[in-house]
Amino acid sequence: MNQPAYRFAVYEDLFDLPDHIIGEILHGQLITQPRPAPKHARAASIIGGEVMGPFDQGKGGPGGWWILDEPELHLGSHILVPDLAGWRKERMPRFPDEAYFSLAPDWVCEVISPGTARTDRVVKMPIYAEASVQWLWLVDPDLRILEAYRLLDGHWLLERTWQNDDIVSAPPFDAINMNLGDLWLPQD
């Protein structure tokens, strides 16, 4: 029995996607998903707002970071679009000329949903570890939790989990406190 030919996805495959679709290439496969749902978008936006001022702009905090929403990362053969990512300015003093980043970030935040949880945990986490991303946050708006992971010897170590309305002081941004409850939409 003949098997259908398998074609590895290429960067140009992303160009044909509609604007409302996010595309990534993971292990040669084109993975698509719609734009985030409101509770997902809110959680990512609030986190970005909390860390942007003190860490990216140095307002009320130590500065020294570039923080971006949904940057396109080219890590080896993989193309990923995390919800948020950050680079220490000492590692990336200036932005690349390309429309993407080939230098792995120091921190990544993925806001997971039922449709992305398996990909974020099973596929993307190992890719981030292989690329030596040092910190990873997984945020689940349905369960109302934030998990902070640190890369140790090429493996993810869960540093801590926060839930509901906990006051969060999560590395690498533990110079500030954040009320986790601000991320969640009101429950019905």
C-alpha atoms as a PDB file:
ATOM      1  CA  MET A   1       0.000   0.000   0.000  1.00  0.00           C
ATOM      2  CA  ASN A   2       1.401   3.397  -0.957  1.00  0.00           C
ATOM      3  CA  GLN A   3       1.587   6.086   1.670  1.00  0.00           C
ATOM      4  CA  PRO A   4       0.943   9.689   0.659  1.00  0.00           C
ATOM      5  CA  ALA A   5       4.101  11.745   0.213  1.00  0.00           C
ATOM      6  CA  TYR A   6       4.922  13.856   3.231  1.00  0.00           C
ATOM      7  CA  ARG A   7       6.135  17.376   2.505  1.00  0.00           C
ATOM      8  CA  PHE A   8       7.930  19.377   5.140  1.00  0.00           C
ATOM      9  CA  ALA A   9       6.425  22.791   5.701  1.00  0.00           C
ATOM     10  CA  VAL A  10       8.554  25.763   4.677  1.00  0.00           C
ATOM     11  CA  TYR A  11       8.573  29.389   5.771  1.00  0.00           C
ATOM     12  CA  GLU A  12       6.663  30.476   2.674  1.00  0.00           C
ATOM     13  CA  ASP A  13       3.704  28.316   3.787  1.00  0.00           C
ATOM     14  CA  LEU A  14       3.098  30.861   6.531  1.00  0.00           C
ATOM     15  CA  PHE A  15       2.648  33.682   4.011  1.00  0.00           C
ATOM     16  CA  ASP A  16      -0.574  32.187   2.622  1.00  0.00           C
ATOM     17  CA  LEU A  17      -2.367  31.969   5.965  1.00  0.00           C
ATOM     18  CA  PRO A  18      -5.301  34.332   6.607  1.00  0.00           C
ATOM     19  CA  ASP A  19      -4.654  37.215   9.016  1.00  0.00           C
ATOM     20  CA  HIS A  20      -6.809  35.641  11.741  1.00  0.00           C
ATOM     21  CA  ILE A  21      -4.640  32.488  11.834  1.00  0.00           C
ATOM     22  CA  ILE A  22      -1.340  32.052  13.700  1.00  0.00           C
ATOM     23  CA  GLY A  23       1.040  29.645  12.000  1.00  0.00           C
ATOM     24  CA  GLU A  24       4.064  27.824  13.372  1.00  0.00           C
ATOM     25  CA  ILE A  25       6.335  25.163  11.916  1.00  0.00           C
ATOM     26  CA  LEU A  26       7.226  22.490  14.463  1.00  0.00           C
ATOM     27  CA  HIS A  27       9.233  19.422  13.451  1.00  0.00           C
ATOM     28  CA  GLY A  28       8.509  20.196   9.798  1.00  0.00           C
ATOM     29  CA  GLN A  29       4.735  20.324  10.299  1.00  0.00           C
ATOM     30  CA  LEU A  30       2.615  23.437   9.761  1.00  0.00           C
ATOM     31  CA  ILE A  31       0.562  24.021  12.922  1.00  0.00           C
ATOM     32  CA  THR A  32      -2.220  26.604  12.772  1.00  0.00           C
ATOM     33  CA  GLN A  33      -4.570  28.083  15.329  1.00  0.00           C
ATOM     34  CA  PRO A  34      -7.009  30.996  15.389  1.00  0.00           C
ATOM     35  CA  ARG A  35      -6.201  34.256  17.132  1.00  0.00           C
ATOM     36  CA  PRO A  36      -6.508  33.884  20.921  1.00  0.00           C
ATOM     37  CA  ALA A  37      -9.879  33.887  22.666  1.00  0.00           C
ATOM     38  CA  PRO A  38     -10.611  36.932  24.866  1.00  0.00           C
ATOM     39  CA  LYS A  39      -9.591  35.347  28.199  1.00  0.00           C
ATOM     40  CA  HIS A  40      -6.367  34.119  26.609  1.00  0.00           C
ATOM     41  CA  ALA A  41      -5.620  37.526  25.060  1.00  0.00           C
ATOM     42  CA  ARG A  42      -6.394  39.306  28.339  1.00  0.00           C
ATOM     43  CA  ALA A  43      -4.018  37.109  30.360  1.00  0.00           C
ATOM     44  CA  ALA A  44      -1.181  37.668  27.862  1.00  0.00           C
ATOM     45  CA  SER A  45      -1.857  41.410  27.689  1.00  0.00           C
ATOM     46  CA  ILE A  46      -1.883  41.861  31.475  1.00  0.00           C
ATOM     47  CA  ILE A  47       1.366  39.913  31.894  1.00  0.00           C
ATOM     48  CA  GLY A  48       2.978  41.979  29.144  1.00  0.00           C
ATOM     49  CA  GLY A  49       1.782  45.161  30.819  1.00  0.00           C
ATOM     50  CA  GLU A  50       3.084  44.072  34.213  1.00  0.00           C
ATOM     51  CA  VAL A  51       6.613  43.278  33.017  1.00  0.00           C
ATOM     52  CA  MET A  52       6.969  45.856  30.206  1.00  0.00           C
ATOM     53  CA  GLY A  53       7.304  48.974  32.375  1.00  0.00           C
ATOM     54  CA  PRO A  54       9.759  47.762  35.003  1.00  0.00           C
ATOM     55  CA  PHE A  55      11.846  45.443  32.830  1.00  0.00           C
ATOM     56  CA  ASP A  56      11.684  46.696  29.239  1.00  0.00           C
ATOM     57  CA  GLN A  57      11.398  50.407  29.981  1.00  0.00           C
ATOM     58  CA  GLY A  58      13.018  50.494  33.433  1.00  0.00           C
ATOM     59  CA  LYS A  59      10.001  52.281  35.008  1.00  0.00           C
ATOM     60  CA  GLY A  60       9.886  51.269  38.662  1.00  0.00           C
ATOM     61  CA  GLY A  61      12.156  48.309  38.020  1.00  0.00           C
ATOM     62  CA  PRO A  62      15.604  47.218  36.944  1.00  0.00           C
ATOM     63  CA  GLY A  63      15.192  47.451  33.141  1.00  0.00           C
ATOM     64  CA  GLY A  64      17.602  45.487  30.982  1.00  0.00           C
ATOM     65  CA  TRP A  65      15.077  43.500  28.929  1.00  0.00           C
ATOM     66  CA  TRP A  66      13.283  43.583  25.591  1.00  0.00           C
ATOM     67  CA  ILE A  67       9.712  42.265  26.044  1.00  0.00           C
ATOM     68  CA  LEU A  68       7.583  41.502  22.968  1.00  0.00           C
ATOM     69  CA  ASP A  69       4.094  40.187  22.200  1.00  0.00           C
ATOM     70  CA  GLU A  70       3.953  37.265  19.769  1.00  0.00           C
ATOM     71  CA  PRO A  71       7.463  37.530  18.278  1.00  0.00           C
ATOM     72  CA  GLU A  72       8.317  35.156  15.465  1.00  0.00           C
ATOM     73  CA  LEU A  73      11.160  32.888  16.569  1.00  0.00           C
ATOM     74  CA  HIS A  74      13.316  30.864  14.172  1.00  0.00           C
ATOM     75  CA  LEU A  75      14.964  28.287  16.424  1.00  0.00           C
ATOM     76  CA  GLY A  76      16.811  25.813  14.235  1.00  0.00           C
ATOM     77  CA  SER A  77      14.270  24.330  11.831  1.00  0.00           C
ATOM     78  CA  HIS A  78      11.348  25.418  14.015  1.00  0.00           C
ATOM     79  CA  ILE A  79       9.278  28.586  13.672  1.00  0.00           C
ATOM     80  CA  LEU A  80       7.402  29.438  16.849  1.00  0.00           C
ATOM     81  CA  VAL A  81       5.192  32.306  17.957  1.00  0.00           C
ATOM     82  CA  PRO A  82       4.969  32.433  21.760  1.00  0.00           C
ATOM     83  CA  ASP A  83       2.462  34.735  23.423  1.00  0.00           C
ATOM     84  CA  LEU A  84       5.284  36.737  25.022  1.00  0.00           C
ATOM     85  CA  ALA A  85       9.058  36.567  24.980  1.00  0.00           C
ATOM     86  CA  GLY A  86      11.893  38.517  26.533  1.00  0.00           C
ATOM     87  CA  TRP A  87      15.585  38.934  25.849  1.00  0.00           C
ATOM     88  CA  ARG A  88      18.143  40.375  28.210  1.00  0.00           C
ATOM     89  CA  LYS A  89      19.607  43.432  26.497  1.00  0.00           C
ATOM     90  CA  GLU A  90      23.118  42.245  27.374  1.00  0.00           C
ATOM     91  CA  ARG A  91      22.517  39.190  25.128  1.00  0.00           C
ATOM     92  CA  MET A  92      20.673  41.088  22.400  1.00  0.00           C
ATOM     93  CA  PRO A  93      21.800  44.711  22.451  1.00  0.00           C
ATOM     94  CA  ARG A  94      19.907  45.524  19.247  1.00  0.00           C
ATOM     95  CA  PHE A  95      17.046  44.076  17.259  1.00  0.00           C
ATOM     96  CA  PRO A  96      17.741  41.972  14.169  1.00  0.00           C
ATOM     97  CA  ASP A  97      17.163  43.409  10.698  1.00  0.00           C
ATOM     98  CA  GLU A  98      14.961  40.432   9.737  1.00  0.00           C
ATOM     99  CA  ALA A  99      11.259  40.212  10.601  1.00  0.00           C
ATOM    100  CA  TYR A 100      12.028  37.388  13.041  1.00  0.00           C
ATOM    101  CA  PHE A 101      14.398  36.464  15.843  1.00  0.00           C
ATOM    102  CA  SER A 102      16.935  33.675  15.468  1.00  0.00           C
ATOM    103  CA  LEU A 103      18.453  34.300  18.911  1.00  0.00           C
ATOM    104  CA  ALA A 104      16.475  32.303  21.471  1.00  0.00           C
ATOM    105  CA  PRO A 105      14.805  34.461  24.115  1.00  0.00           C
ATOM    106  CA  ASP A 106      15.761  34.271  27.778  1.00  0.00           C
ATOM    107  CA  TRP A 107      12.085  34.000  28.803  1.00  0.00           C
ATOM    108  CA  VAL A 108       8.967  32.733  27.077  1.00  0.00           C
ATOM    109  CA  CYS A 109       5.366  32.875  28.235  1.00  0.00           C
ATOM    110  CA  GLU A 110       2.737  30.622  26.684  1.00  0.00           C
ATOM    111  CA  VAL A 111      -0.905  31.164  27.616  1.00  0.00           C
ATOM    112  CA  ILE A 112      -2.403  27.750  27.117  1.00  0.00           C
ATOM    113  CA  SER A 113      -5.915  26.871  26.061  1.00  0.00           C
ATOM    114  CA  PRO A 114      -7.635  23.515  25.570  1.00  0.00           C
ATOM    115  CA  GLY A 115      -6.710  23.664  21.878  1.00  0.00           C
ATOM    116  CA  THR A 116      -3.014  24.506  22.422  1.00  0.00           C
ATOM    117  CA  ALA A 117      -2.127  22.811  25.732  1.00  0.00           C
ATOM    118  CA  ARG A 118      -0.800  19.595  24.192  1.00  0.00           C
ATOM    119  CA  THR A 119       1.340  21.430  21.616  1.00  0.00           C
ATOM    120  CA  ASP A 120       2.617  23.951  24.182  1.00  0.00           C
ATOM    121  CA  ARG A 121       3.592  21.255  26.687  1.00  0.00           C
ATOM    122  CA  VAL A 122       4.600  18.262  24.562  1.00  0.00           C
ATOM    123  CA  VAL A 123       6.054  19.884  21.447  1.00  0.00           C
ATOM    124  CA  LYS A 124       7.109  23.453  22.230  1.00  0.00           C
ATOM    125  CA  MET A 125       8.560  22.997  25.739  1.00  0.00           C
ATOM    126  CA  PRO A 126      11.271  20.585  24.490  1.00  0.00           C
ATOM    127  CA  ILE A 127      12.062  22.920  21.579  1.00  0.00           C
ATOM    128  CA  TYR A 128      12.520  25.832  23.994  1.00  0.00           C
ATOM    129  CA  ALA A 129      14.764  23.656  26.186  1.00  0.00           C
ATOM    130  CA  GLU A 130      16.841  22.584  23.186  1.00  0.00           C
ATOM    131  CA  ALA A 131      17.257  26.268  22.244  1.00  0.00           C
ATOM    132  CA  SER A 132      18.409  27.052  25.835  1.00  0.00           C
ATOM    133  CA  VAL A 133      15.536  29.372  26.776  1.00  0.00           C
ATOM    134  CA  GLN A 134      16.241  29.840  30.488  1.00  0.00           C
ATOM    135  CA  TRP A 135      12.736  30.603  31.814  1.00  0.00           C
ATOM    136  CA  LEU A 136       9.282  29.471  30.728  1.00  0.00           C
ATOM    137  CA  TRP A 137       5.924  30.475  32.102  1.00  0.00           C
ATOM    138  CA  LEU A 138       2.773  28.510  31.323  1.00  0.00           C
ATOM    139  CA  VAL A 139      -0.423  30.362  32.122  1.00  0.00           C
ATOM    140  CA  ASP A 140      -3.790  28.593  32.090  1.00  0.00           C
ATOM    141  CA  PRO A 141      -6.780  30.985  32.233  1.00  0.00           C
ATOM    142  CA  ASP A 142      -9.247  28.079  32.616  1.00  0.00           C
ATOM    143  CA  LEU A 143      -7.487  26.639  35.686  1.00  0.00           C
ATOM    144  CA  ARG A 144      -6.315  30.127  36.776  1.00  0.00           C
ATOM    145  CA  ILE A 145      -2.717  29.072  37.325  1.00  0.00           C
ATOM    146  CA  LEU A 146       0.777  30.237  36.419  1.00  0.00           C
ATOM    147  CA  GLU A 147       3.637  27.736  36.347  1.00  0.00           C
ATOM    148  CA  ALA A 148       7.223  29.051  36.285  1.00  0.00           C
ATOM    149  CA  TYR A 149       9.896  26.713  34.912  1.00  0.00           C
ATOM    150  CA  ARG A 150      13.678  27.090  34.950  1.00  0.00           C
ATOM    151  CA  LEU A 151      15.981  25.281  32.536  1.00  0.00           C
ATOM    152  CA  LEU A 152      18.444  23.100  34.447  1.00  0.00           C
ATOM    153  CA  ASP A 153      20.865  20.801  32.617  1.00  0.00           C
ATOM    154  CA  GLY A 154      18.674  20.845  29.510  1.00  0.00           C
ATOM    155  CA  HIS A 155      15.492  19.911  31.404  1.00  0.00           C
ATOM    156  CA  TRP A 156      12.614  21.962  32.762  1.00  0.00           C
ATOM    157  CA  LEU A 157      12.413  22.281  36.531  1.00  0.00           C
ATOM    158  CA  LEU A 158       9.112  23.548  37.935  1.00  0.00           C
ATOM    159  CA  GLU A 159      10.098  26.403  40.238  1.00  0.00           C
ATOM    160  CA  ARG A 160       6.625  27.174  41.541  1.00  0.00           C
ATOM    161  CA  THR A 161       2.926  27.247  40.714  1.00  0.00           C
ATOM    162  CA  TRP A 162       0.566  30.077  41.660  1.00  0.00           C
ATOM    163  CA  GLN A 163      -3.218  30.066  41.445  1.00  0.00           C
ATOM    164  CA  ASN A 164      -6.333  32.225  41.557  1.00  0.00           C
ATOM    165  CA  ASP A 165      -5.542  35.557  43.291  1.00  0.00           C
ATOM    166  CA  ASP A 166      -2.045  34.719  44.559  1.00  0.00           C
ATOM    167  CA  ILE A 167       0.529  37.473  44.654  1.00  0.00           C
ATOM    168  CA  VAL A 168       3.171  36.337  42.187  1.00  0.00           C
ATOM    169  CA  SER A 169       6.884  37.040  42.375  1.00  0.00           C
ATOM    170  CA  ALA A 170       8.009  34.786  39.518  1.00  0.00           C
ATOM    171  CA  PRO A 171      11.537  34.537  38.168  1.00  0.00           C
ATOM    172  CA  PRO A 172      13.077  36.009  36.120  1.00  0.00           C
ATOM    173  CA  PHE A 173      10.821  38.972  36.964  1.00  0.00           C
ATOM    174  CA  ASP A 174      10.754  38.423  40.714  1.00  0.00           C
ATOM    175  CA  ALA A 175      11.798  42.032  41.374  1.00  0.00           C
ATOM    176  CA  ILE A 176       8.080  42.867  41.118  1.00  0.00           C
ATOM    177  CA  ASN A 177       4.881  41.441  42.564  1.00  0.00           C
ATOM    178  CA  MET A 178       1.860  40.807  40.389  1.00  0.00           C
ATOM    179  CA  ASN A 179      -1.678  39.933  41.481  1.00  0.00           C
ATOM    180  CA  LEU A 180      -2.536  36.823  39.476  1.00  0.00           C
ATOM    181  CA  GLY A 181      -6.234  37.616  39.841  1.00  0.00           C
ATOM    182  CA  ASP A 182      -5.780  40.594  37.506  1.00  0.00           C
ATOM    183  CA  LEU A 183      -5.232  38.156  34.613  1.00  0.00           C
ATOM    184  CA  TRP A 184      -8.612  36.454  34.837  1.00  0.00           C
ATOM    185  CA  LEU A 185     -11.949  37.535  33.445  1.00  0.00           C
ATOM    186  CA  PRO A 186     -14.765  37.446  36.015  1.00  0.00           C
ATOM    187  CA  GLN A 187     -16.379  34.042  36.398  1.00  0.00           C
ATOM    188  CA  ASP A 188     -20.069  33.716  35.654  1.00  0.00           C
END
